Amino acid sequence: MTDERSKIPVSMMKSGSGVGLENEMPPLRVSGFICLALGVLSGLSIIAKSMLLIPLAAFLFGFFALRKSGGPRPVGTRVACIGMVFAAAFGSCGYTVAWMKSVTLSGQAERFAQNYMQLIALGHDEHALQLQQEPRNRLSTDMDLADYYTSSATIAEQLVQFKTDAVNRELKRRGVDAKWDLSRPTYVYYQFGFDHAEIIWSDPTNETALKIQMFMDYRIDRAGQGQWQMTTVQPWRSRFVAESVL
């Protein structure tokens, strides 16, 4: 004979055990919410190239939040997916904008450098010398630059030094029709609040000939337009220190 009272606790224990498993609390993934926050902040990558680190960080937190779990689906995985979508969208836009800006500036810098070399080859040293000035400080194109560069001994000395420079003498010797090739792709970078460019020209007909290294700054003129300024022109010198250190 079976005691009915002995069956009740057993059934209740089984029922209670099932309810406990069904109501198990899912774990919380804080990294998912961090991923969402970083995904939204990834919009800053459109402004500056250095901000592309934000969407990369969002993906790292997102993958960490989506790691496998043996129990119920953790809280925060859904927002992690949303954050990764934001990071992918803003990150790709930021990279595209930075790439297009670099291509545009490098093309402008190359044309500016070519015009600069042609002015020297033609003997228009006064005009080339003006391109070394900041755009807002350049003299008017209607002004007689020949008279200006003979107006004082100090100003005349600047022109004499410019004409006797080794690179300028080489440009004049080779003439206007000389062909110059890029020794390597134009390097455009952002530093100290300005965009800069480095160009190295070489003679395609003579590998041992003089290589010309140019550094330029991208400045804003009085009309609010961006223009390049030639800051340094020198024979190419190999660096003894890595660019990352400089």
Protein backbone atom coordinates (compact mmCIF):
# COMPACT_ATOMS: atom_id res chain seq x y z
CA MET A 1 0.00 0.00 0.00
CA THR A 2 1.33 3.33 -1.01
CA ASP A 3 1.12 6.32 1.24
CA GLU A 4 -0.48 9.25 -0.70
CA ARG A 5 1.33 11.75 1.51
CA SER A 6 4.69 10.52 0.24
CA LYS A 7 3.78 11.36 -3.35
CA ILE A 8 2.97 15.00 -2.72
CA PRO A 9 6.43 16.21 -1.73
CA VAL A 10 8.01 14.36 -4.64
CA SER A 11 5.68 15.96 -7.20
CA MET A 12 6.13 19.34 -5.62
CA MET A 13 9.89 18.97 -5.68
CA LYS A 14 9.84 18.06 -9.38
CA SER A 15 7.54 20.94 -10.20
CA GLY A 16 9.59 23.38 -8.17
CA SER A 17 12.79 22.22 -9.79
CA GLY A 18 11.37 22.90 -13.27
CA VAL A 19 10.18 26.35 -12.37
CA GLY A 20 13.66 27.23 -11.11
CA LEU A 21 15.32 26.29 -14.38
CA GLU A 22 12.81 28.21 -16.48
CA ASN A 23 13.23 31.37 -14.41
CA GLU A 24 17.03 31.37 -14.42
CA MET A 25 18.28 34.96 -14.76
CA PRO A 26 20.32 35.62 -17.96
CA PRO A 27 23.77 37.13 -17.43
CA LEU A 28 24.41 40.80 -18.12
CA ARG A 29 27.02 41.75 -20.75
CA VAL A 30 28.10 45.32 -19.96
CA SER A 31 30.50 45.14 -22.91
CA GLY A 32 27.45 45.15 -25.21
CA PHE A 33 26.32 48.53 -23.92
CA ILE A 34 29.88 49.87 -24.20
CA CYS A 35 29.88 48.65 -27.80
CA LEU A 36 26.66 50.57 -28.49
CA ALA A 37 28.09 53.76 -26.97
CA LEU A 38 31.28 53.45 -29.02
CA GLY A 39 29.24 52.69 -32.12
CA VAL A 40 27.37 55.97 -31.74
CA LEU A 41 30.61 57.84 -31.05
CA SER A 42 32.04 56.34 -34.25
CA GLY A 43 30.35 59.22 -36.05
CA LEU A 44 33.37 61.29 -35.01
CA SER A 45 35.50 59.24 -37.43
CA ILE A 46 34.05 61.32 -40.26
CA ILE A 47 35.69 64.42 -38.74
CA ALA A 48 39.21 63.11 -38.13
CA LYS A 49 41.10 60.08 -39.39
CA SER A 50 42.50 59.34 -35.94
CA MET A 51 38.93 58.77 -34.72
CA LEU A 52 38.80 55.55 -36.75
CA LEU A 53 40.12 53.89 -33.60
CA ILE A 54 36.65 54.31 -32.06
CA PRO A 55 34.80 51.91 -34.43
CA LEU A 56 37.67 49.44 -34.04
CA ALA A 57 37.23 49.57 -30.27
CA ALA A 58 33.46 49.12 -30.72
CA PHE A 59 34.04 45.92 -32.66
CA LEU A 60 36.37 44.58 -29.97
CA PHE A 61 33.77 45.13 -27.24
CA GLY A 62 31.06 43.79 -29.55
CA PHE A 63 32.86 40.51 -30.22
CA PHE A 64 33.56 40.18 -26.51
CA ALA A 65 29.86 40.70 -25.72
CA LEU A 66 28.80 38.09 -28.30
CA ARG A 67 31.01 35.33 -26.89
CA LYS A 68 29.29 31.98 -26.37
CA SER A 69 27.23 31.35 -23.25
CA GLY A 70 25.97 28.02 -21.94
CA GLY A 71 22.80 29.40 -20.37
CA PRO A 72 20.07 31.72 -21.67
CA ARG A 73 20.92 34.52 -24.05
CA PRO A 74 22.80 37.22 -22.11
CA VAL A 75 21.41 40.72 -21.81
CA GLY A 76 23.42 43.13 -23.96
CA THR A 77 24.05 40.99 -27.02
CA ARG A 78 21.30 42.68 -29.03
CA VAL A 79 22.60 46.18 -28.29
CA ALA A 80 26.09 44.93 -29.14
CA CYS A 81 24.88 43.97 -32.62
CA ILE A 82 23.32 47.41 -33.02
CA GLY A 83 26.55 49.07 -31.88
CA MET A 84 28.58 47.06 -34.39
CA VAL A 85 26.24 48.13 -37.19
CA PHE A 86 26.74 51.78 -36.22
CA ALA A 87 30.50 51.26 -36.01
CA ALA A 88 30.63 49.61 -39.44
CA ALA A 89 28.55 52.37 -41.06
CA PHE A 90 30.34 55.33 -39.49
CA GLY A 91 33.76 53.69 -39.76
CA SER A 92 33.41 52.99 -43.48
CA CYS A 93 32.20 56.56 -44.09
CA GLY A 94 35.09 57.97 -42.06
CA TYR A 95 37.64 55.88 -43.93
CA THR A 96 36.17 56.88 -47.31
CA VAL A 97 36.21 60.58 -46.42
CA ALA A 98 39.83 60.37 -45.20
CA TRP A 99 40.89 58.49 -48.33
CA MET A 100 39.18 60.96 -50.69
CA LYS A 101 40.73 63.89 -48.82
CA SER A 102 44.20 62.33 -49.09
CA VAL A 103 43.80 61.70 -52.83
CA THR A 104 42.55 65.25 -53.46
CA LEU A 105 45.30 66.92 -51.44
CA SER A 106 48.05 64.78 -52.97
CA GLY A 107 46.88 65.65 -56.49
CA GLN A 108 46.80 69.37 -55.65
CA ALA A 109 50.23 69.18 -54.03
CA GLU A 110 51.77 67.51 -57.09
CA ARG A 111 50.34 70.13 -59.47
CA PHE A 112 51.52 72.93 -57.16
CA ALA A 113 55.04 71.45 -57.04
CA GLN A 114 55.16 71.08 -60.82
CA ASN A 115 54.11 74.71 -61.32
CA TYR A 116 56.74 75.76 -58.80
CA MET A 117 59.49 73.93 -60.70
CA GLN A 118 58.35 75.35 -64.03
CA LEU A 119 58.48 78.91 -62.70
CA ILE A 120 62.10 78.39 -61.67
CA ALA A 121 63.00 76.71 -64.96
CA LEU A 122 61.53 79.70 -66.82
CA GLY A 123 63.54 82.14 -64.70
CA HIS A 124 60.57 83.57 -62.79
CA ASP A 125 62.37 83.34 -59.47
CA GLU A 126 60.42 86.20 -57.91
CA HIS A 127 57.10 84.41 -58.47
CA ALA A 128 58.46 81.11 -57.20
CA LEU A 129 59.82 82.84 -54.12
CA GLN A 130 56.36 84.18 -53.39
CA LEU A 131 55.03 80.62 -53.26
CA GLN A 132 57.24 80.08 -50.22
CA GLN A 133 55.23 82.71 -48.35
CA GLU A 134 51.99 82.00 -46.55
CA PRO A 135 49.05 82.59 -48.93
CA ARG A 136 47.70 85.48 -46.86
CA ASN A 137 51.10 87.21 -46.91
CA ARG A 138 51.79 86.96 -50.64
CA LEU A 139 52.07 90.11 -52.69
CA SER A 140 49.45 91.05 -55.24
CA THR A 141 49.81 89.54 -58.70
CA ASP A 142 49.48 93.05 -60.16
CA MET A 143 52.60 94.21 -58.33
CA ASP A 144 55.97 94.45 -60.11
CA LEU A 145 57.92 91.81 -58.20
CA ALA A 146 61.20 92.72 -59.91
CA ASP A 147 61.06 96.20 -58.38
CA TYR A 148 60.06 94.81 -55.01
CA TYR A 149 63.04 92.44 -54.81
CA THR A 150 65.41 95.33 -55.51
CA SER A 151 63.75 97.73 -53.06
CA SER A 152 66.16 96.94 -50.22
CA ALA A 153 69.41 95.07 -49.63
CA THR A 154 67.75 92.53 -47.32
CA ILE A 155 65.04 91.64 -49.83
CA ALA A 156 67.54 91.53 -52.68
CA GLU A 157 69.71 89.12 -50.66
CA GLN A 158 66.76 86.72 -50.38
CA LEU A 159 66.48 86.61 -54.16
CA VAL A 160 70.23 86.10 -54.61
CA GLN A 161 70.22 83.16 -52.20
CA PHE A 162 67.22 81.69 -53.97
CA LYS A 163 68.89 81.88 -57.38
CA THR A 164 72.15 80.34 -56.16
CA ASP A 165 70.43 77.43 -54.42
CA ALA A 166 71.70 74.06 -55.71
CA VAL A 167 68.24 72.67 -56.46
CA ASN A 168 67.11 75.83 -58.27
CA ARG A 169 70.26 75.84 -60.40
CA GLU A 170 69.59 72.21 -61.33
CA LEU A 171 66.00 73.01 -62.32
CA LYS A 172 67.20 75.83 -64.58
CA ARG A 173 69.92 73.67 -66.08
CA ARG A 174 67.47 70.97 -67.08
CA GLY A 175 64.94 73.45 -68.46
CA VAL A 176 61.18 73.55 -68.82
CA ASP A 177 60.89 70.40 -70.93
CA ALA A 178 62.72 68.23 -68.39
CA LYS A 179 60.76 65.24 -67.19
CA TRP A 180 60.48 64.63 -63.46
CA ASP A 181 58.85 61.53 -62.00
CA LEU A 182 57.63 60.83 -58.51
CA SER A 183 60.22 58.75 -56.70
CA ARG A 184 57.41 57.43 -54.48
CA PRO A 185 53.73 58.26 -53.91
CA THR A 186 53.05 61.65 -52.39
CA TYR A 187 52.89 61.46 -48.61
CA VAL A 188 50.06 63.56 -47.13
CA TYR A 189 49.80 63.80 -43.34
CA TYR A 190 48.20 65.93 -40.62
CA GLN A 191 50.38 67.50 -37.96
CA PHE A 192 50.33 70.58 -35.69
CA GLY A 193 46.87 71.59 -36.88
CA PHE A 194 47.70 71.64 -40.61
CA ASP A 195 47.81 69.26 -43.55
CA HIS A 196 51.28 68.68 -44.99
CA ALA A 197 52.71 66.95 -48.03
CA GLU A 198 56.08 65.47 -48.87
CA ILE A 199 57.08 64.90 -52.50
CA ILE A 200 60.29 63.42 -53.88
CA TRP A 201 61.09 63.98 -57.57
CA SER A 202 63.65 61.99 -59.54
CA ASP A 203 65.12 62.03 -63.05
CA PRO A 204 63.72 58.99 -64.92
CA THR A 205 66.63 59.06 -67.38
CA ASN A 206 69.36 59.00 -64.75
CA GLU A 207 68.99 57.02 -61.52
CA THR A 208 72.09 58.62 -59.97
CA ALA A 209 70.96 62.19 -60.68
CA LEU A 210 69.85 64.62 -57.99
CA LYS A 211 66.56 63.80 -56.26
CA ILE A 212 64.49 66.75 -55.09
CA GLN A 213 62.59 66.61 -51.82
CA MET A 214 59.77 69.08 -51.18
CA PHE A 215 57.73 69.80 -48.05
CA MET A 216 54.51 71.80 -48.28
CA ASP A 217 51.87 73.13 -45.90
CA TYR A 218 48.20 73.54 -46.71
CA ARG A 219 47.14 77.01 -45.56
CA ILE A 220 44.07 79.24 -45.82
CA ASP A 221 44.37 82.51 -47.75
CA ARG A 222 42.60 85.82 -47.12
CA ALA A 223 39.59 84.73 -49.17
CA GLY A 224 39.15 81.63 -47.04
CA GLN A 225 40.43 79.30 -49.76
CA GLY A 226 42.98 76.57 -49.14
CA GLN A 227 46.35 76.89 -50.89
CA TRP A 228 49.67 75.12 -50.68
CA GLN A 229 52.79 76.80 -49.38
CA MET A 230 56.26 75.57 -50.31
CA THR A 231 58.21 75.39 -47.04
CA THR A 232 61.33 73.34 -47.87
CA VAL A 233 63.06 72.36 -51.11
CA GLN A 234 66.29 70.41 -50.80
CA PRO A 235 68.25 67.49 -52.22
CA TRP A 236 66.69 64.26 -51.02
CA ARG A 237 68.19 62.89 -47.84
CA SER A 238 67.46 59.46 -46.43
CA ARG A 239 66.23 59.55 -42.86
CA PHE A 240 68.30 57.92 -40.16
CA VAL A 241 65.31 57.85 -37.78
CA ALA A 242 62.00 56.16 -38.50
CA GLU A 243 59.05 58.42 -39.38
CA SER A 244 57.09 57.03 -36.43
CA VAL A 245 59.80 58.32 -34.08
CA LEU A 246 59.89 61.75 -35.73
